[in-house]
Amino acid sequence: MFIEKLNTTHILIMLKQEELAAFKLEQSAISLTNPKTRLLFRQILALAAAKSGVSLRCKTISAEILPYQNGCFLLAEIKPKNKRKTYRIKKTDSTYLAAFANAADMLDAVKILYENCAFPLNGSLYRKGKTYYILISSKAEISQNLKLLLNEFGQVTSCGVITINRIKETAVRLYDGNAISSIGKALSEN
């Protein structure tokens, strides 16, 4: 058996006819789909890797068998296994869209959000046609009681990214900054 390390990822193994006969393999029956042949070539490859100083641990091995007159060549390509990628899905801010028929209802809702929410809310005010919107984003869920209070003035819904972007692109922004804290503070002082 002749073993040669071609480079860091390839090993060439040459088996003569006598060695194939010692392993009880016929040249015509050599196929990597045969389980007996696969096991035998795996053992040969382990021997070749030990002699050439290549580690097969945690590696992907692809082999090609090339028959010739006096035996066969086994060309093995050894590559590191691709680690499975894992992704962490981050929980984004909870986003709600409140729609109002007029500006007075929207301002009353901003005042209620400012006075009754225990955690900071980030809100932007928009107008599209005759409808006014508050786009509310927060790190935590808005309580059911607060949603019920807001629903007295308008309609509050959870919304997805597409709805948020549609409002941001097509509506006119009325206040640049955190409208709930700025406007809510001014309204509650009066």
Protein backbone atom coordinates (compact mmCIF):
# COMPACT_ATOMS: atom_id res chain seq x y z
CA MET A 1 0.00 0.00 0.00
CA PHE A 2 1.39 3.35 -1.08
CA ILE A 3 0.21 6.40 0.90
CA GLU A 4 0.98 9.98 -0.08
CA LYS A 5 -0.27 13.18 1.50
CA LEU A 6 -0.88 15.49 -1.46
CA ASN A 7 -1.75 18.56 0.61
CA THR A 8 -3.47 19.35 3.89
CA THR A 9 -6.85 18.09 2.65
CA HIS A 10 -6.00 15.29 0.19
CA ILE A 11 -4.50 11.82 0.69
CA LEU A 12 -3.75 9.45 -2.19
CA ILE A 13 -3.73 5.72 -1.40
CA MET A 14 -2.63 3.19 -3.99
CA LEU A 15 -3.69 -0.44 -3.45
CA LYS A 16 -2.10 -3.16 -5.56
CA GLN A 17 -3.95 -6.20 -6.89
CA GLU A 18 -2.39 -8.44 -4.19
CA GLU A 19 -3.60 -6.12 -1.40
CA LEU A 20 -7.10 -6.11 -2.86
CA ALA A 21 -7.00 -9.93 -2.90
CA ALA A 22 -5.82 -9.98 0.74
CA PHE A 23 -8.86 -7.86 1.65
CA LYS A 24 -11.05 -10.23 -0.44
CA LEU A 25 -12.07 -7.47 -2.85
CA GLU A 26 -12.41 -7.82 -6.58
CA GLN A 27 -11.65 -4.84 -8.74
CA SER A 28 -15.03 -5.06 -10.46
CA ALA A 29 -16.90 -5.13 -7.11
CA ILE A 30 -15.30 -2.01 -5.65
CA SER A 31 -18.04 0.50 -4.87
CA LEU A 32 -18.58 2.87 -1.98
CA THR A 33 -22.27 1.97 -1.99
CA ASN A 34 -21.41 -1.54 -0.74
CA PRO A 35 -21.34 -1.53 3.10
CA LYS A 36 -18.49 -4.06 3.29
CA THR A 37 -16.36 -1.98 0.94
CA ARG A 38 -17.17 1.21 2.83
CA LEU A 39 -16.09 -0.34 6.13
CA LEU A 40 -12.90 -1.67 4.61
CA PHE A 41 -11.99 1.65 2.98
CA ARG A 42 -12.78 3.47 6.22
CA GLN A 43 -10.22 1.24 7.98
CA ILE A 44 -7.69 1.79 5.18
CA LEU A 45 -8.28 5.53 5.37
CA ALA A 46 -7.78 5.51 9.16
CA LEU A 47 -4.46 3.69 8.65
CA ALA A 48 -3.42 6.14 5.93
CA ALA A 49 -4.39 9.13 8.06
CA ALA A 50 -2.32 7.81 10.97
CA LYS A 51 0.71 7.28 8.72
CA SER A 52 0.40 10.69 7.06
CA GLY A 53 -0.31 12.56 10.31
CA VAL A 54 -3.81 13.75 9.38
CA SER A 55 -6.55 13.70 11.99
CA LEU A 56 -9.94 12.37 10.89
CA ARG A 57 -11.69 13.47 14.04
CA CYS A 58 -14.64 15.82 13.44
CA LYS A 59 -13.95 15.83 9.72
CA THR A 60 -16.01 15.21 6.63
CA ILE A 61 -14.44 12.68 4.28
CA SER A 62 -15.25 12.33 0.62
CA ALA A 63 -13.53 9.58 -1.32
CA GLU A 64 -13.12 8.67 -4.94
CA ILE A 65 -12.03 5.23 -6.12
CA LEU A 66 -10.18 5.05 -9.41
CA PRO A 67 -9.44 1.54 -10.69
CA TYR A 68 -6.37 0.85 -12.84
CA GLN A 69 -4.73 -2.31 -14.22
CA ASN A 70 -2.65 -3.29 -11.19
CA GLY A 71 -5.14 -2.24 -8.46
CA CYS A 72 -6.90 0.97 -7.54
CA PHE A 73 -6.33 4.49 -6.31
CA LEU A 74 -8.28 5.90 -3.40
CA LEU A 75 -8.30 9.69 -3.34
CA ALA A 76 -9.66 11.02 -0.05
CA GLU A 77 -10.57 14.63 0.60
CA ILE A 78 -10.68 15.54 4.29
CA LYS A 79 -12.43 18.75 5.33
CA PRO A 80 -13.53 20.12 8.68
CA LYS A 81 -17.22 19.56 9.39
CA ASN A 82 -19.37 22.58 8.92
CA LYS A 83 -20.70 23.59 12.28
CA ARG A 84 -24.41 24.04 12.35
CA LYS A 85 -25.29 27.69 12.57
CA THR A 86 -27.57 28.68 15.37
CA TYR A 87 -29.54 31.86 15.48
CA ARG A 88 -31.01 33.59 18.48
CA ILE A 89 -34.18 35.41 17.79
CA LYS A 90 -34.30 38.53 19.86
CA LYS A 91 -37.61 39.66 21.22
CA THR A 92 -38.15 43.06 19.76
CA ASP A 93 -40.04 45.88 21.39
CA SER A 94 -43.79 45.50 21.64
CA THR A 95 -45.32 47.87 19.12
CA TYR A 96 -48.90 49.09 19.10
CA LEU A 97 -50.73 51.36 16.71
CA ALA A 98 -53.53 53.53 18.03
CA ALA A 99 -55.76 55.22 15.43
CA PHE A 100 -57.92 58.22 16.29
CA ALA A 101 -60.62 60.14 14.43
CA ASN A 102 -59.47 63.58 15.58
CA ALA A 103 -56.51 65.35 17.21
CA ALA A 104 -58.31 65.95 20.52
CA ASP A 105 -58.81 62.22 21.10
CA MET A 106 -55.19 61.57 20.21
CA LEU A 107 -53.95 64.19 22.70
CA ASP A 108 -56.20 62.77 25.44
CA ALA A 109 -54.69 59.33 24.74
CA VAL A 110 -51.15 60.75 24.96
CA LYS A 111 -52.00 62.26 28.37
CA ILE A 112 -53.43 58.94 29.61
CA LEU A 113 -50.34 57.04 28.39
CA TYR A 114 -48.04 59.49 30.16
CA GLU A 115 -49.94 59.45 33.46
CA ASN A 116 -50.89 55.76 33.71
CA CYS A 117 -47.93 53.83 32.36
CA ALA A 118 -45.41 52.53 34.92
CA PHE A 119 -42.60 52.12 32.37
CA PRO A 120 -41.30 54.48 29.68
CA LEU A 121 -43.03 54.38 26.34
CA ASN A 122 -41.63 55.63 23.10
CA GLY A 123 -44.31 57.12 20.91
CA SER A 124 -44.50 58.96 17.63
CA LEU A 125 -47.45 60.95 16.32
CA TYR A 126 -48.58 60.68 12.69
CA ARG A 127 -51.44 61.95 10.54
CA LYS A 128 -52.65 60.29 7.38
CA GLY A 129 -55.65 61.91 5.77
CA LYS A 130 -58.18 62.60 8.53
CA THR A 131 -56.85 59.86 10.84
CA TYR A 132 -54.31 60.45 13.60
CA TYR A 133 -51.96 57.71 14.81
CA ILE A 134 -49.77 57.08 17.82
CA LEU A 135 -47.09 54.50 17.13
CA ILE A 136 -46.23 53.15 20.59
CA SER A 137 -43.17 51.01 21.23
CA SER A 138 -42.06 49.72 24.61
CA LYS A 139 -39.81 47.08 26.14
CA ALA A 140 -42.78 45.50 27.93
CA GLU A 141 -46.37 44.71 27.08
CA ILE A 142 -48.97 47.40 27.63
CA SER A 143 -51.47 46.28 30.27
CA GLN A 144 -54.97 45.27 29.26
CA ASN A 145 -56.44 48.08 31.40
CA LEU A 146 -54.37 50.68 29.55
CA LYS A 147 -55.49 49.24 26.22
CA LEU A 148 -59.13 49.50 27.35
CA LEU A 149 -58.59 53.15 28.37
CA LEU A 150 -57.04 53.95 24.99
CA ASN A 151 -59.85 52.15 23.17
CA GLU A 152 -62.29 54.72 24.61
CA PHE A 153 -60.65 57.34 22.36
CA GLY A 154 -59.60 55.26 19.37
CA GLN A 155 -58.66 51.81 18.18
CA VAL A 156 -55.49 50.15 19.56
CA THR A 157 -53.96 47.14 17.83
CA SER A 158 -50.68 45.25 17.89
CA CYS A 159 -48.97 45.65 14.58
CA GLY A 160 -46.23 44.07 12.55
CA VAL A 161 -43.23 45.49 10.75
CA ILE A 162 -45.10 46.01 7.48
CA THR A 163 -47.83 48.10 9.12
CA ILE A 164 -45.26 50.16 11.03
CA ASN A 165 -43.26 50.88 7.89
CA ARG A 166 -46.38 51.72 5.90
CA ILE A 167 -47.40 54.34 8.47
CA LYS A 168 -43.86 55.76 8.66
CA GLU A 169 -43.59 56.03 4.87
CA THR A 170 -47.03 57.30 3.94
CA ALA A 171 -48.18 59.37 6.93
CA VAL A 172 -47.01 62.83 7.99
CA ARG A 173 -44.99 62.82 11.20
CA LEU A 174 -46.43 65.38 13.59
CA TYR A 175 -43.83 65.28 16.34
CA ASP A 176 -40.14 64.44 16.02
CA GLY A 177 -38.92 62.81 19.24
CA ASN A 178 -40.64 60.98 22.07
CA ALA A 179 -44.13 62.46 21.87
CA ILE A 180 -45.59 60.58 24.83
CA SER A 181 -43.12 61.94 27.39
CA SER A 182 -42.84 65.47 25.93
CA ILE A 183 -46.45 66.20 25.03
CA GLY A 184 -47.85 64.08 27.87
CA LYS A 185 -45.81 66.05 30.43
CA ALA A 186 -47.00 69.37 28.99
CA LEU A 187 -50.65 68.22 28.97
CA SER A 188 -50.57 66.88 32.52
CA GLU A 189 -49.12 70.13 33.90
CA ASN A 190 -52.08 72.13 32.52
